[in-house]
C-alpha atoms as a PDB file:
ATOM      1  CA  MET A   1     180.193 -73.885 207.550  1.00  0.00           C
ATOM      2  CA  ASN A   2     182.917 -72.927 210.133  1.00  0.00           C
ATOM      3  CA  ASP A   3     182.285 -70.300 212.848  1.00  0.00           C
ATOM      4  CA  SER A   4     184.492 -67.397 210.845  1.00  0.00           C
ATOM      5  CA  THR A   5     182.247 -67.993 207.616  1.00  0.00           C
ATOM      6  CA  ASN A   6     178.697 -67.920 209.856  1.00  0.00           C
ATOM      7  CA  THR A   7     179.779 -64.479 211.705  1.00  0.00           C
ATOM      8  CA  PHE A   8     181.176 -62.942 208.366  1.00  0.00           C
ATOM      9  CA  PHE A   9     177.019 -64.077 207.238  1.00  0.00           C
ATOM     10  CA  GLY A  10     175.606 -62.444 210.260  1.00  0.00           C
ATOM     11  CA  TRP A  11     177.660 -59.294 209.960  1.00  0.00           C
ATOM     12  CA  VAL A  12     176.282 -58.698 206.617  1.00  0.00           C
ATOM     13  CA  LEU A  13     173.205 -59.340 207.283  1.00  0.00           C
ATOM     14  CA  PHE A  14     173.280 -57.297 210.097  1.00  0.00           C
ATOM     15  CA  ALA A  15     174.268 -54.598 207.837  1.00  0.00           C
ATOM     16  CA  GLY A  16     171.560 -54.846 205.248  1.00  0.00           C
ATOM     17  CA  VAL A  17     168.996 -54.986 208.628  1.00  0.00           C
ATOM     18  CA  VAL A  18     170.762 -51.237 209.398  1.00  0.00           C
ATOM     19  CA  ALA A  19     170.836 -49.850 206.173  1.00  0.00           C
ATOM     20  CA  LEU A  20     167.509 -50.555 205.219  1.00  0.00           C
ATOM     21  CA  GLY A  21     166.197 -49.367 208.610  1.00  0.00           C
ATOM     22  CA  LEU A  22     168.343 -45.785 208.183  1.00  0.00           C
ATOM     23  CA  ASN A  23     167.025 -45.292 204.881  1.00  0.00           C
ATOM     24  CA  ALA A  24     163.146 -46.011 205.897  1.00  0.00           C
ATOM     25  CA  ILE A  25     163.920 -43.104 208.665  1.00  0.00           C
ATOM     26  CA  SER A  26     165.651 -41.243 206.345  1.00  0.00           C
ATOM     27  CA  SER A  27     162.654 -40.949 203.850  1.00  0.00           C
ATOM     28  CA  ARG A  28     160.775 -40.277 206.795  1.00  0.00           C
ATOM     29  CA  VAL A  29     162.468 -37.211 207.903  1.00  0.00           C
ATOM     30  CA  PHE A  30     163.926 -35.659 204.643  1.00  0.00           C
ATOM     31  CA  ASP A  31     160.806 -36.359 202.580  1.00  0.00           C
ATOM     32  CA  VAL A  32     160.217 -33.934 199.894  1.00  0.00           C
ATOM     33  CA  HIS A  33     157.001 -33.003 198.581  1.00  0.00           C
ATOM     34  CA  LEU A  34     157.469 -30.122 195.816  1.00  0.00           C
ATOM     35  CA  PRO A  35     154.498 -28.357 194.351  1.00  0.00           C
ATOM     36  CA  GLU A  36     152.444 -29.027 191.709  1.00  0.00           C
ATOM     37  CA  THR A  37     153.005 -25.313 190.587  1.00  0.00           C
ATOM     38  CA  PRO A  38     156.130 -23.570 190.872  1.00  0.00           C
ATOM     39  CA  GLY A  39     156.534 -20.618 192.964  1.00  0.00           C
ATOM     40  CA  TYR A  40     158.432 -17.695 192.026  1.00  0.00           C
ATOM     41  CA  LEU A  41     157.853 -17.843 187.965  1.00  0.00           C
ATOM     42  CA  ILE A  42     159.715 -15.051 186.448  1.00  0.00           C
ATOM     43  CA  VAL A  43     158.987 -13.712 182.793  1.00  0.00           C
ATOM     44  CA  ALA A  44     160.987 -12.242 180.821  1.00  0.00           C
ATOM     45  CA  PRO A  45     159.650  -9.097 179.459  1.00  0.00           C
ATOM     46  CA  GLU A  46     158.370  -9.212 175.740  1.00  0.00           C
ATOM     47  CA  ALA A  47     160.440  -6.780 172.763  1.00  0.00           C
ATOM     48  CA  GLY A  48     159.244  -3.690 172.592  1.00  0.00           C
ATOM     49  CA  VAL A  49     157.008  -3.845 175.984  1.00  0.00           C
ATOM     50  CA  ALA A  50     160.013  -1.412 177.713  1.00  0.00           C
ATOM     51  CA  ASP A  51     159.217   2.092 177.865  1.00  0.00           C
ATOM     52  CA  ALA A  52     160.418   3.250 174.230  1.00  0.00           C
ATOM     53  CA  GLY A  53     160.935   6.808 175.401  1.00  0.00           C
ATOM     54  CA  PRO A  54     159.187   9.750 174.125  1.00  0.00           C
ATOM     55  CA  SER A  55     157.592   9.125 170.615  1.00  0.00           C
ATOM     56  CA  LEU A  56     158.267  10.587 167.123  1.00  0.00           C
ATOM     57  CA  ALA A  57     155.536  13.844 167.505  1.00  0.00           C
ATOM     58  CA  GLU A  58     156.686  14.842 171.117  1.00  0.00           C
ATOM     59  CA  LEU A  59     160.460  15.113 169.841  1.00  0.00           C
ATOM     60  CA  LEU A  60     159.327  16.773 167.175  1.00  0.00           C
ATOM     61  CA  ALA A  61     157.345  19.534 169.332  1.00  0.00           C
ATOM     62  CA  THR A  62     159.954  19.382 171.907  1.00  0.00           C
ATOM     63  CA  GLY A  63     162.938  20.717 169.375  1.00  0.00           C
ATOM     64  CA  SER A  64     164.440  22.640 167.884  1.00  0.00           C
ATOM     65  CA  ALA A  65     165.326  24.055 164.213  1.00  0.00           C
ATOM     66  CA  GLU A  66     167.769  25.727 165.640  1.00  0.00           C
ATOM     67  CA  ALA A  67     169.727  23.728 166.928  1.00  0.00           C
ATOM     68  CA  GLY A  68     168.789  21.249 163.935  1.00  0.00           C
ATOM     69  CA  GLU A  69     171.246  23.972 162.287  1.00  0.00           C
ATOM     70  CA  ALA A  70     174.220  22.947 164.142  1.00  0.00           C
ATOM     71  CA  VAL A  71     173.198  19.095 163.057  1.00  0.00           C
ATOM     72  CA  PHE A  72     173.223  19.481 160.062  1.00  0.00           C
ATOM     73  CA  ALA A  73     176.608  20.415 159.403  1.00  0.00           C
ATOM     74  CA  LYS A  74     176.988  16.540 159.537  1.00  0.00           C
ATOM     75  CA  CYS A  75     175.275  16.757 156.227  1.00  0.00           C
ATOM     76  CA  MET A  76     177.100  19.578 154.629  1.00  0.00           C
ATOM     77  CA  SER A  77     180.214  17.689 152.686  1.00  0.00           C
ATOM     78  CA  CYS A  78     177.504  16.771 150.618  1.00  0.00           C
ATOM     79  CA  HIS A  79     174.408  18.323 150.844  1.00  0.00           C
ATOM     80  CA  SER A  80     173.553  21.784 149.802  1.00  0.00           C
ATOM     81  CA  ILE A  81     169.724  23.663 151.029  1.00  0.00           C
ATOM     82  CA  ASN A  82     169.626  27.085 150.323  1.00  0.00           C
ATOM     83  CA  SER A  83     167.370  27.772 146.998  1.00  0.00           C
ATOM     84  CA  GLY A  84     168.660  27.243 143.795  1.00  0.00           C
ATOM     85  CA  GLY A  85     171.974  25.926 145.840  1.00  0.00           C
ATOM     86  CA  ALA A  86     173.349  22.838 143.398  1.00  0.00           C
ATOM     87  CA  ASN A  87     173.554  19.426 144.014  1.00  0.00           C
ATOM     88  CA  GLY A  88     176.844  18.046 145.153  1.00  0.00           C
ATOM     89  CA  ILE A  89     177.695  14.040 146.396  1.00  0.00           C
ATOM     90  CA  GLY A  90     174.428  14.478 147.866  1.00  0.00           C
ATOM     91  CA  PRO A  91     171.074  15.956 146.309  1.00  0.00           C
ATOM     92  CA  ASN A  92     170.256  19.502 147.567  1.00  0.00           C
ATOM     93  CA  LEU A  93     167.761  19.621 149.924  1.00  0.00           C
ATOM     94  CA  TYR A  94     165.521  22.836 149.876  1.00  0.00           C
ATOM     95  CA  GLY A  95     161.919  21.944 149.930  1.00  0.00           C
ATOM     96  CA  VAL A  96     162.567  18.119 149.972  1.00  0.00           C
ATOM     97  CA  MET A  97     159.903  17.732 152.982  1.00  0.00           C
ATOM     98  CA  GLY A  98     156.639  16.336 151.278  1.00  0.00           C
ATOM     99  CA  LEU A  99     157.955  15.321 147.877  1.00  0.00           C
ATOM    100  CA  PRO A 100     158.472  12.035 146.584  1.00  0.00           C
ATOM    101  CA  ILE A 101     161.247   9.862 147.403  1.00  0.00           C
ATOM    102  CA  GLY A 102     164.408  10.017 145.806  1.00  0.00           C
ATOM    103  CA  LYS A 103     162.376  12.158 142.697  1.00  0.00           C
ATOM    104  CA  HIS A 104     162.948  15.615 143.826  1.00  0.00           C
ATOM    105  CA  ALA A 105     166.092  17.248 142.894  1.00  0.00           C
ATOM    106  CA  ALA A 106     165.724  17.596 139.456  1.00  0.00           C
ATOM    107  CA  GLY A 107     169.734  16.054 137.351  1.00  0.00           C
ATOM    108  CA  PHE A 108     170.692  14.419 140.672  1.00  0.00           C
ATOM    109  CA  SER A 109     170.910  10.684 139.827  1.00  0.00           C
ATOM    110  CA  TYR A 110     169.474   9.070 142.233  1.00  0.00           C
ATOM    111  CA  SER A 111     170.891   5.089 143.428  1.00  0.00           C
ATOM    112  CA  SER A 112     168.149   2.693 142.463  1.00  0.00           C
ATOM    113  CA  ALA A 113     166.936   1.735 146.026  1.00  0.00           C
ATOM    114  CA  LEU A 114     165.928   5.452 146.847  1.00  0.00           C
ATOM    115  CA  SER A 115     164.015   6.225 143.302  1.00  0.00           C
ATOM    116  CA  GLY A 116     162.536   2.639 143.617  1.00  0.00           C
ATOM    117  CA  LYS A 117     161.558   3.254 146.941  1.00  0.00           C
ATOM    118  CA  GLY A 118     157.663   4.723 146.717  1.00  0.00           C
ATOM    119  CA  GLY A 119     155.660   7.475 148.918  1.00  0.00           C
ATOM    120  CA  VAL A 120     157.323  10.911 150.103  1.00  0.00           C
ATOM    121  CA  TRP A 121     159.060  12.660 152.861  1.00  0.00           C
ATOM    122  CA  ASP A 122     156.835  12.537 155.887  1.00  0.00           C
ATOM    123  CA  TRP A 123     158.294  12.892 159.177  1.00  0.00           C
ATOM    124  CA  GLU A 124     157.980   8.923 159.816  1.00  0.00           C
ATOM    125  CA  ASN A 125     160.167   8.026 156.772  1.00  0.00           C
ATOM    126  CA  MET A 126     162.907  10.976 157.004  1.00  0.00           C
ATOM    127  CA  ASN A 127     163.016   9.576 160.619  1.00  0.00           C
ATOM    128  CA  ALA A 128     163.914   6.419 159.552  1.00  0.00           C
ATOM    129  CA  TRP A 129     165.753   7.080 156.971  1.00  0.00           C
ATOM    130  CA  LEU A 130     168.156   9.555 159.508  1.00  0.00           C
ATOM    131  CA  LYS A 131     168.232   6.870 161.933  1.00  0.00           C
ATOM    132  CA  SER A 132     169.621   4.273 158.867  1.00  0.00           C
ATOM    133  CA  PRO A 133     170.056   4.914 155.027  1.00  0.00           C
ATOM    134  CA  ARG A 134     170.562   1.373 154.540  1.00  0.00           C
ATOM    135  CA  ALA A 135     168.576  -0.206 156.899  1.00  0.00           C
ATOM    136  CA  PHE A 136     165.737   1.907 155.167  1.00  0.00           C
ATOM    137  CA  ALA A 137     166.467   1.737 151.565  1.00  0.00           C
ATOM    138  CA  ASN A 138     168.848  -1.232 151.618  1.00  0.00           C
ATOM    139  CA  GLY A 139     171.230  -0.469 148.384  1.00  0.00           C
ATOM    140  CA  THR A 140     171.288   2.850 148.865  1.00  0.00           C
ATOM    141  CA  THR A 141     174.773   4.742 147.658  1.00  0.00           C
ATOM    142  CA  MET A 142     174.457   7.113 150.809  1.00  0.00           C
ATOM    143  CA  SER A 143     177.442   6.248 153.045  1.00  0.00           C
ATOM    144  CA  PHE A 144     176.296   7.933 155.924  1.00  0.00           C
ATOM    145  CA  ALA A 145     175.583   5.672 158.638  1.00  0.00           C
ATOM    146  CA  GLY A 146     172.497   7.347 160.764  1.00  0.00           C
ATOM    147  CA  LEU A 147     171.993   9.498 163.478  1.00  0.00           C
ATOM    148  CA  GLY A 148     171.117   7.374 166.493  1.00  0.00           C
ATOM    149  CA  ASP A 149     169.517  10.171 168.948  1.00  0.00           C
ATOM    150  CA  GLY A 150     166.366  10.446 168.315  1.00  0.00           C
ATOM    151  CA  GLN A 151     166.043  14.157 169.573  1.00  0.00           C
ATOM    152  CA  ASP A 152     168.817  15.190 167.015  1.00  0.00           C
ATOM    153  CA  ARG A 153     167.176  13.658 164.134  1.00  0.00           C
ATOM    154  CA  ALA A 154     164.039  15.793 164.732  1.00  0.00           C
ATOM    155  CA  ASN A 155     165.818  18.817 165.173  1.00  0.00           C
ATOM    156  CA  LEU A 156     167.141  18.544 161.687  1.00  0.00           C
ATOM    157  CA  MET A 157     163.883  17.313 160.516  1.00  0.00           C
ATOM    158  CA  LEU A 158     162.714  20.640 161.858  1.00  0.00           C
ATOM    159  CA  TYR A 159     165.453  22.468 160.297  1.00  0.00           C
ATOM    160  CA  ILE A 160     165.185  21.002 156.869  1.00  0.00           C
ATOM    161  CA  ASN A 161     161.416  21.898 157.363  1.00  0.00           C
ATOM    162  CA  ALA A 162     162.041  25.414 158.088  1.00  0.00           C
ATOM    163  CA  GLN A 163     164.275  25.645 154.261  1.00  0.00           C
ATOM    164  CA  GLY A 164     161.811  25.597 151.648  1.00  0.00           C
ATOM    165  CA  SER A 165     158.975  23.284 153.003  1.00  0.00           C
ATOM    166  CA  ASN A 166     156.376  23.668 155.541  1.00  0.00           C
ATOM    167  CA  LEU A 167     155.137  20.166 156.578  1.00  0.00           C
ATOM    168  CA  ALA A 168     152.225  20.015 159.315  1.00  0.00           C
ATOM    169  CA  LEU A 169     153.756  18.565 162.612  1.00  0.00           C
ATOM    170  CA  PRO A 170     152.483  15.427 163.246  1.00  0.00           C
ATOM    171  CA  ALA A 171     149.409  15.918 166.416  1.00  0.00           C
ATOM    172  CA  VAL A 172     150.955  14.619 169.946  1.00  0.00           C
ATOM    173  CA  GLU A 173     148.139  11.937 171.538  1.00  0.00           C
ATOM    174  CA  ALA A 174     146.927  12.873 174.607  1.00  0.00           C
ATOM    175  CA  ALA A 175     147.163  10.501 177.412  1.00  0.00           C
ATOM    176  CA  ASP A 176     144.425   9.090 178.547  1.00  0.00           C
ATOM    177  CA  GLU A 177     143.731   9.879 182.339  1.00  0.00           C
ATOM    178  CA  GLU A 178     139.847   9.100 182.479  1.00  0.00           C
ATOM    179  CA  ALA A 179     138.627   8.043 186.156  1.00  0.00           C
ATOM    180  CA  PRO A 180     137.869   4.367 186.006  1.00  0.00           C
ATOM    181  CA  VAL A 181     133.852   3.694 185.382  1.00  0.00           C
ATOM    182  CA  LEU A 182     132.656   1.806 187.940  1.00  0.00           C
ATOM    183  CA  ASP A 183     129.953  -1.567 187.158  1.00  0.00           C
ATOM    184  CA  GLY A 184     126.829  -1.991 188.878  1.00  0.00           C
ATOM    185  CA  ALA A 185     128.271  -4.347 191.550  1.00  0.00           C
ATOM    186  CA  ALA A 186     130.949  -1.852 192.632  1.00  0.00           C
ATOM    187  CA  GLU A 187     128.736   1.055 192.744  1.00  0.00           C
ATOM    188  CA  ALA A 188     126.737  -0.997 194.927  1.00  0.00           C
ATOM    189  CA  ASP A 189     129.397  -2.009 197.420  1.00  0.00           C
ATOM    190  CA  LEU A 190     130.187   2.324 197.491  1.00  0.00           C
ATOM    191  CA  ALA A 191     126.639   2.962 197.993  1.00  0.00           C
ATOM    192  CA  VAL A 192     125.187   2.769 201.896  1.00  0.00           C
ATOM    193  CA  PRO A 193     121.464   1.729 202.541  1.00  0.00           C
ATOM    194  CA  ALA A 194     119.895   4.594 204.268  1.00  0.00           C
ATOM    195  CA  THR A 195     118.171   1.616 206.618  1.00  0.00           C
ATOM    196  CA  ASP A 196     121.565   1.292 207.610  1.00  0.00           C
ATOM    197  CA  GLU A 197     121.690   4.843 208.322  1.00  0.00           C
ATOM    198  CA  ALA A 198     118.921   5.387 210.461  1.00  0.00           C
ATOM    199  CA  GLU A 199     119.855   2.503 212.160  1.00  0.00           C
ATOM    200  CA  SER A 200     123.374   3.879 213.243  1.00  0.00           C
ATOM    201  CA  ALA A 201     121.105   7.163 213.710  1.00  0.00           C
ATOM    202  CA  GLU A 202     118.834   5.084 216.575  1.00  0.00           C
ATOM    203  CA  ALA A 203     122.406   3.365 218.477  1.00  0.00           C
ATOM    204  CA  VAL A 204     123.693   6.752 219.394  1.00  0.00           C
ATOM    205  CA  ALA A 205     120.520   8.308 220.286  1.00  0.00           C
ATOM    206  CA  GLU A 206     120.397   5.118 222.713  1.00  0.00           C
END
């Protein structure tokens, strides 16, 4: 081999040695150790965990039949609610609360989806119906989309209930505010031994 070939291979060998050296140095300087357990774990809240707002019982307790009369204006094109009132596009609603679903108005032709639903018009069922008639009774002929506001539904139900019905309001559950009960170990930690009090008194006296 001539001198130029020797020089070329010499530079190649030198470059390889330099690359190995830099790799060894960088692995020590920039070595990264990942933790066995990643920190700052963010857990997405489960559906329904978030505060859902006042319960139906609370909305009814704070609601108003007078306000419900204004909401009923949206229903008057299809329903009457006076005693002995005629059925229209929808049935007369006088005294409907507490009666069987899809059967209370004589002579009215209910859809099979509603007449076959079963149950009675209690607060829960009426609330679900007013929120989304189609979700409550799939196949109903009622074209009204529903009331999205819970307080509007509560007010409307109070007004309907005052027209020939007298269904008792559901009880509002009281919040549990009892003081936490300490176990024996916790009570022992809070207790001050009499001997310690005596020793402290002697130390002050001295």
